[in-house]
């Protein structure tokens, strides 16, 4: 019904509905968007503000618009090198894939 809708996420409230509805849902890293002006222990460490949208480009544009700290935020992420919307479709360069061959805490075996 709309191209972009507000959402906040502490345990999947953006990502899960987006995945069920064919939308883009991004949970920004803590400190990327402000939790202000209402800041409490739960919102400052669990909940982040974001959106659900129809495209990655729309989500990137919203993230450009809403990212940044609010006075009193307990954490804030550094500013991006360039706007997120410019990252859409950009060549990521050489990528690496990490594979665990052992369990670092030894709680269970890794299936071959």
N, C-alpha and C. Protein backbone atom coordinates (compact mmCIF):
# COMPACT_ATOMS: atom_id res chain seq x y z
N UNK A 1 0.82 -1.20 0.00
CA UNK A 1 0.00 0.00 0.00
C UNK A 1 0.86 1.26 0.00
N UNK A 2 2.04 1.20 0.63
CA UNK A 2 2.93 2.35 0.66
C UNK A 2 4.33 1.88 0.27
N UNK A 3 5.16 2.76 -0.26
CA UNK A 3 6.50 2.32 -0.66
C UNK A 3 7.43 2.06 0.51
N UNK A 4 7.24 2.76 1.64
CA UNK A 4 8.11 2.62 2.80
C UNK A 4 7.26 2.74 4.05
N UNK A 5 7.54 1.89 5.04
CA UNK A 5 6.84 1.98 6.32
C UNK A 5 7.85 1.92 7.46
N UNK A 6 7.59 2.68 8.51
CA UNK A 6 8.44 2.68 9.69
C UNK A 6 8.39 1.32 10.37
N UNK A 7 9.50 0.95 10.96
CA UNK A 7 9.55 -0.25 11.78
C UNK A 7 10.67 -0.12 12.78
N UNK A 8 10.55 -0.86 13.88
CA UNK A 8 11.68 -0.96 14.79
C UNK A 8 11.89 -2.42 15.11
N UNK A 9 13.09 -2.76 15.50
CA UNK A 9 13.48 -4.16 15.60
C UNK A 9 14.31 -4.39 16.84
N UNK A 10 13.88 -5.33 17.64
CA UNK A 10 14.64 -5.76 18.80
C UNK A 10 14.84 -7.26 18.78
N UNK A 11 13.97 -7.96 18.08
CA UNK A 11 14.07 -9.42 18.00
C UNK A 11 13.55 -9.96 16.69
N UNK A 12 13.45 -9.13 15.67
CA UNK A 12 13.01 -9.59 14.37
C UNK A 12 11.81 -8.85 13.82
N UNK A 13 11.37 -7.79 14.47
CA UNK A 13 10.14 -7.10 14.09
C UNK A 13 10.20 -6.39 12.75
N UNK A 14 11.36 -6.17 12.19
CA UNK A 14 11.48 -5.66 10.82
C UNK A 14 11.77 -6.82 9.88
N UNK A 15 12.73 -7.64 10.24
CA UNK A 15 13.23 -8.68 9.35
C UNK A 15 12.23 -9.80 9.08
N UNK A 16 11.54 -10.27 10.09
CA UNK A 16 10.63 -11.40 9.91
C UNK A 16 9.42 -11.02 9.05
N UNK A 17 8.70 -9.93 9.35
CA UNK A 17 7.59 -9.57 8.47
C UNK A 17 8.04 -9.30 7.03
N UNK A 18 9.20 -8.67 6.88
CA UNK A 18 9.70 -8.39 5.53
C UNK A 18 9.93 -9.69 4.77
N UNK A 19 10.52 -10.67 5.42
CA UNK A 19 10.81 -11.93 4.73
C UNK A 19 9.55 -12.70 4.38
N UNK A 20 8.49 -12.50 5.13
CA UNK A 20 7.22 -13.18 4.87
C UNK A 20 6.39 -12.48 3.80
N UNK A 21 6.71 -11.24 3.50
CA UNK A 21 5.87 -10.45 2.59
C UNK A 21 6.59 -10.02 1.32
N UNK A 22 7.81 -10.50 1.10
CA UNK A 22 8.55 -10.11 -0.09
C UNK A 22 9.04 -8.67 -0.07
N UNK A 23 9.30 -8.16 1.14
CA UNK A 23 9.79 -6.80 1.29
C UNK A 23 11.25 -6.80 1.72
N UNK A 24 11.86 -5.63 1.74
CA UNK A 24 13.22 -5.48 2.24
C UNK A 24 13.13 -5.01 3.68
N UNK A 25 13.80 -5.73 4.57
CA UNK A 25 13.84 -5.34 5.97
C UNK A 25 15.28 -5.34 6.45
N UNK A 26 15.73 -4.23 6.99
CA UNK A 26 17.10 -4.10 7.46
C UNK A 26 17.07 -3.66 8.92
N UNK A 27 17.76 -4.40 9.77
CA UNK A 27 17.95 -3.97 11.15
C UNK A 27 19.30 -3.26 11.19
N UNK A 28 19.29 -1.92 11.28
CA UNK A 28 20.56 -1.21 11.31
C UNK A 28 21.37 -1.57 12.56
N UNK A 29 22.67 -1.45 12.47
CA UNK A 29 23.51 -1.70 13.61
C UNK A 29 23.19 -0.72 14.73
N UNK A 30 23.39 -1.15 15.96
CA UNK A 30 23.11 -0.28 17.11
C UNK A 30 23.92 1.01 16.98
N UNK A 31 23.26 2.12 17.17
CA UNK A 31 23.92 3.41 17.07
C UNK A 31 23.85 4.04 15.69
N UNK A 32 23.42 3.29 14.68
CA UNK A 32 23.31 3.86 13.33
C UNK A 32 22.13 4.83 13.27
N UNK A 33 21.01 4.47 13.91
CA UNK A 33 19.85 5.35 14.02
C UNK A 33 19.62 5.63 15.49
N UNK A 34 19.02 6.76 15.78
CA UNK A 34 18.81 7.16 17.16
C UNK A 34 17.62 6.45 17.78
N UNK A 35 17.70 6.23 19.08
CA UNK A 35 16.55 5.74 19.84
C UNK A 35 15.89 6.89 20.60
N UNK A 36 16.40 8.11 20.40
CA UNK A 36 15.86 9.27 21.09
C UNK A 36 14.58 9.77 20.45
N UNK A 37 13.83 10.60 21.11
CA UNK A 37 14.17 11.21 22.38
C UNK A 37 13.86 10.33 23.59
N UNK A 38 13.13 9.24 23.42
CA UNK A 38 12.82 8.37 24.56
C UNK A 38 13.91 7.30 24.62
N UNK A 39 14.77 7.40 25.62
CA UNK A 39 15.89 6.47 25.75
C UNK A 39 15.79 5.76 27.09
N UNK A 40 15.73 4.44 27.05
CA UNK A 40 15.76 3.66 28.28
C UNK A 40 16.69 2.47 28.06
N UNK A 41 16.86 1.63 29.06
CA UNK A 41 17.82 0.53 28.96
C UNK A 41 17.49 -0.42 27.83
N UNK A 42 16.21 -0.75 27.64
CA UNK A 42 15.85 -1.70 26.58
C UNK A 42 16.08 -1.08 25.22
N UNK A 43 15.57 0.13 25.01
CA UNK A 43 15.70 0.72 23.68
C UNK A 43 17.15 1.03 23.33
N UNK A 44 17.98 1.34 24.30
CA UNK A 44 19.35 1.70 23.97
C UNK A 44 20.23 0.51 23.60
N UNK A 45 19.83 -0.69 23.98
CA UNK A 45 20.68 -1.85 23.67
C UNK A 45 20.01 -2.91 22.79
N UNK A 46 18.70 -2.91 22.67
CA UNK A 46 18.02 -3.93 21.89
C UNK A 46 17.33 -3.40 20.65
N UNK A 47 16.63 -2.30 20.80
CA UNK A 47 15.75 -1.83 19.75
C UNK A 47 16.46 -0.82 18.86
N UNK A 48 16.28 -0.97 17.55
CA UNK A 48 16.77 0.01 16.59
C UNK A 48 15.62 0.43 15.69
N UNK A 49 15.70 1.64 15.19
CA UNK A 49 14.68 2.16 14.29
C UNK A 49 15.10 1.92 12.85
N UNK A 50 14.13 1.58 12.01
CA UNK A 50 14.42 1.33 10.61
C UNK A 50 13.15 1.39 9.79
N UNK A 51 13.10 0.59 8.73
CA UNK A 51 11.92 0.62 7.86
C UNK A 51 11.76 -0.71 7.14
N UNK A 52 10.60 -0.89 6.57
CA UNK A 52 10.32 -1.95 5.62
C UNK A 52 10.03 -1.24 4.31
N UNK A 53 10.55 -1.77 3.22
CA UNK A 53 10.34 -1.11 1.93
C UNK A 53 10.22 -2.13 0.82
N UNK A 54 9.96 -1.64 -0.38
CA UNK A 54 9.82 -2.51 -1.55
C UNK A 54 11.15 -2.79 -2.23
N UNK A 55 12.19 -1.98 -1.94
CA UNK A 55 13.47 -2.17 -2.64
C UNK A 55 14.65 -1.82 -1.73
N UNK A 56 15.79 -2.35 -2.09
CA UNK A 56 17.03 -2.04 -1.37
C UNK A 56 17.33 -0.55 -1.51
N UNK A 57 17.10 0.00 -2.68
CA UNK A 57 17.36 1.43 -2.91
C UNK A 57 16.50 2.29 -1.98
N UNK A 58 15.22 1.94 -1.81
CA UNK A 58 14.36 2.70 -0.91
C UNK A 58 14.85 2.59 0.53
N UNK A 59 15.25 1.39 0.94
CA UNK A 59 15.76 1.21 2.31
C UNK A 59 17.04 2.03 2.51
N UNK A 60 17.91 2.03 1.52
CA UNK A 60 19.15 2.81 1.61
C UNK A 60 18.85 4.30 1.72
N UNK A 61 17.87 4.79 0.97
CA UNK A 61 17.51 6.21 1.03
C UNK A 61 16.95 6.57 2.41
N UNK A 62 16.12 5.68 2.97
CA UNK A 62 15.59 5.94 4.31
C UNK A 62 16.72 5.94 5.33
N UNK A 63 17.63 4.97 5.23
CA UNK A 63 18.74 4.91 6.17
C UNK A 63 19.59 6.18 6.09
N UNK A 64 19.79 6.70 4.87
CA UNK A 64 20.50 7.98 4.74
C UNK A 64 19.77 9.09 5.48
N UNK A 65 18.45 9.07 5.41
CA UNK A 65 17.65 10.15 6.01
C UNK A 65 17.58 10.05 7.53
N UNK A 66 17.58 8.83 8.09
CA UNK A 66 17.35 8.69 9.53
C UNK A 66 18.60 8.38 10.34
N UNK A 67 19.73 8.14 9.69
CA UNK A 67 20.91 7.81 10.48
C UNK A 67 21.54 9.05 11.09
N UNK A 68 22.15 8.82 12.22
CA UNK A 68 22.81 9.90 12.94
C UNK A 68 22.39 9.90 14.39
N UNK A 69 23.23 10.46 15.25
CA UNK A 69 22.94 10.44 16.68
C UNK A 69 21.95 11.52 17.11
N UNK A 70 21.33 11.29 18.25
CA UNK A 70 20.45 12.23 18.92
C UNK A 70 21.12 12.55 20.24
N UNK A 71 21.06 13.80 20.72
CA UNK A 71 21.70 14.10 22.01
C UNK A 71 21.26 13.13 23.10
N UNK A 72 22.21 12.55 23.78
CA UNK A 72 21.92 11.61 24.85
C UNK A 72 21.98 10.15 24.45
N UNK A 73 22.10 9.86 23.15
CA UNK A 73 22.21 8.46 22.73
C UNK A 73 23.44 7.83 23.39
N UNK A 74 23.29 6.62 23.95
CA UNK A 74 24.43 5.98 24.60
C UNK A 74 25.49 5.49 23.62
N UNK A 75 25.10 5.21 22.39
CA UNK A 75 26.04 4.78 21.36
C UNK A 75 25.69 5.46 20.04
N UNK A 76 26.68 5.61 19.20
CA UNK A 76 26.42 6.06 17.84
C UNK A 76 27.51 5.50 16.94
N UNK A 77 27.09 5.12 15.74
CA UNK A 77 28.00 4.54 14.76
C UNK A 77 28.65 5.66 13.96
N UNK A 78 29.87 5.44 13.49
CA UNK A 78 30.51 6.47 12.68
C UNK A 78 29.75 6.69 11.38
N UNK A 79 29.85 7.88 10.84
CA UNK A 79 29.18 8.21 9.58
C UNK A 79 29.75 7.35 8.45
N UNK A 80 28.91 6.98 7.49
CA UNK A 80 29.41 6.20 6.36
C UNK A 80 30.34 7.04 5.48
N UNK A 81 31.17 6.37 4.71
CA UNK A 81 32.10 7.06 3.81
C UNK A 81 31.33 7.81 2.73
N UNK A 82 30.27 7.20 2.23
CA UNK A 82 29.41 7.85 1.24
C UNK A 82 27.96 7.45 1.53
N UNK A 83 26.99 8.13 0.94
CA UNK A 83 25.59 7.79 1.21
C UNK A 83 25.28 6.33 0.87
N UNK A 84 24.41 5.71 1.66
CA UNK A 84 24.05 4.31 1.43
C UNK A 84 23.41 4.11 0.07
N UNK A 85 22.65 5.08 -0.40
CA UNK A 85 22.00 4.93 -1.69
C UNK A 85 23.03 4.81 -2.82
N UNK A 86 24.21 5.38 -2.62
CA UNK A 86 25.29 5.24 -3.62
C UNK A 86 25.92 3.86 -3.58
N UNK A 87 25.73 3.12 -2.51
CA UNK A 87 26.27 1.77 -2.39
C UNK A 87 25.44 0.75 -3.17
N UNK A 88 24.19 1.08 -3.46
CA UNK A 88 23.31 0.16 -4.17
C UNK A 88 23.84 -0.06 -5.58
N UNK A 89 24.17 -1.29 -5.90
CA UNK A 89 24.69 -1.63 -7.22
C UNK A 89 26.18 -1.40 -7.39
N UNK A 90 26.85 -0.86 -6.37
CA UNK A 90 28.29 -0.62 -6.47
C UNK A 90 29.05 -1.94 -6.44
N UNK A 91 30.17 -1.97 -7.10
CA UNK A 91 31.03 -3.16 -7.09
C UNK A 91 31.59 -3.34 -5.69
N UNK A 92 31.33 -4.49 -5.05
CA UNK A 92 31.82 -4.69 -3.68
C UNK A 92 33.31 -5.01 -3.61
N UNK A 93 33.94 -5.20 -4.76
CA UNK A 93 35.34 -5.60 -4.75
C UNK A 93 35.46 -7.08 -4.46
N UNK A 94 36.65 -7.51 -4.14
CA UNK A 94 36.88 -8.92 -3.86
C UNK A 94 36.28 -9.28 -2.50
N UNK A 95 35.49 -10.34 -2.47
CA UNK A 95 34.84 -10.79 -1.25
C UNK A 95 35.47 -12.07 -0.75
N UNK A 96 35.40 -12.30 0.55
CA UNK A 96 35.90 -13.53 1.15
C UNK A 96 34.74 -14.24 1.84
N UNK A 97 34.81 -15.54 1.87
CA UNK A 97 33.81 -16.34 2.58
C UNK A 97 34.53 -17.07 3.70
N UNK A 98 34.01 -16.93 4.91
CA UNK A 98 34.60 -17.61 6.05
C UNK A 98 33.89 -18.93 6.31
N UNK A 99 34.64 -19.98 6.61
CA UNK A 99 34.08 -21.29 6.91
C UNK A 99 34.72 -21.80 8.20
N UNK A 100 33.88 -22.15 9.17
CA UNK A 100 34.40 -22.75 10.40
C UNK A 100 34.60 -24.25 10.19
N UNK A 101 35.77 -24.74 10.51
CA UNK A 101 36.04 -26.16 10.39
C UNK A 101 36.05 -26.84 11.75
N UNK A 102 35.93 -26.04 12.82
CA UNK A 102 35.85 -26.57 14.18
C UNK A 102 34.99 -25.64 15.02
N UNK A 103 34.46 -26.16 16.09
CA UNK A 103 33.64 -25.35 16.99
C UNK A 103 34.58 -24.66 17.98
N UNK A 104 34.67 -23.33 17.95
CA UNK A 104 35.63 -22.65 18.81
C UNK A 104 35.34 -22.78 20.30
N UNK A 105 34.09 -23.08 20.68
CA UNK A 105 33.82 -23.27 22.11
C UNK A 105 33.67 -24.75 22.47
N UNK A 106 33.78 -25.63 21.47
CA UNK A 106 33.79 -27.06 21.72
C UNK A 106 32.47 -27.66 22.19
N UNK A 107 31.37 -26.95 22.07
CA UNK A 107 30.08 -27.44 22.58
C UNK A 107 29.48 -28.53 21.70
N UNK A 108 29.79 -28.53 20.42
CA UNK A 108 29.25 -29.54 19.50
C UNK A 108 30.18 -29.65 18.30
N UNK A 109 30.10 -30.78 17.65
CA UNK A 109 30.92 -31.00 16.46
C UNK A 109 30.33 -30.27 15.26
N UNK A 110 31.19 -29.86 14.34
CA UNK A 110 30.74 -29.28 13.08
C UNK A 110 30.46 -30.42 12.12
N UNK A 111 29.30 -30.40 11.50
CA UNK A 111 28.92 -31.45 10.55
C UNK A 111 29.79 -31.33 9.30
N UNK A 112 30.41 -32.43 8.88
CA UNK A 112 31.28 -32.34 7.69
C UNK A 112 30.51 -31.92 6.45
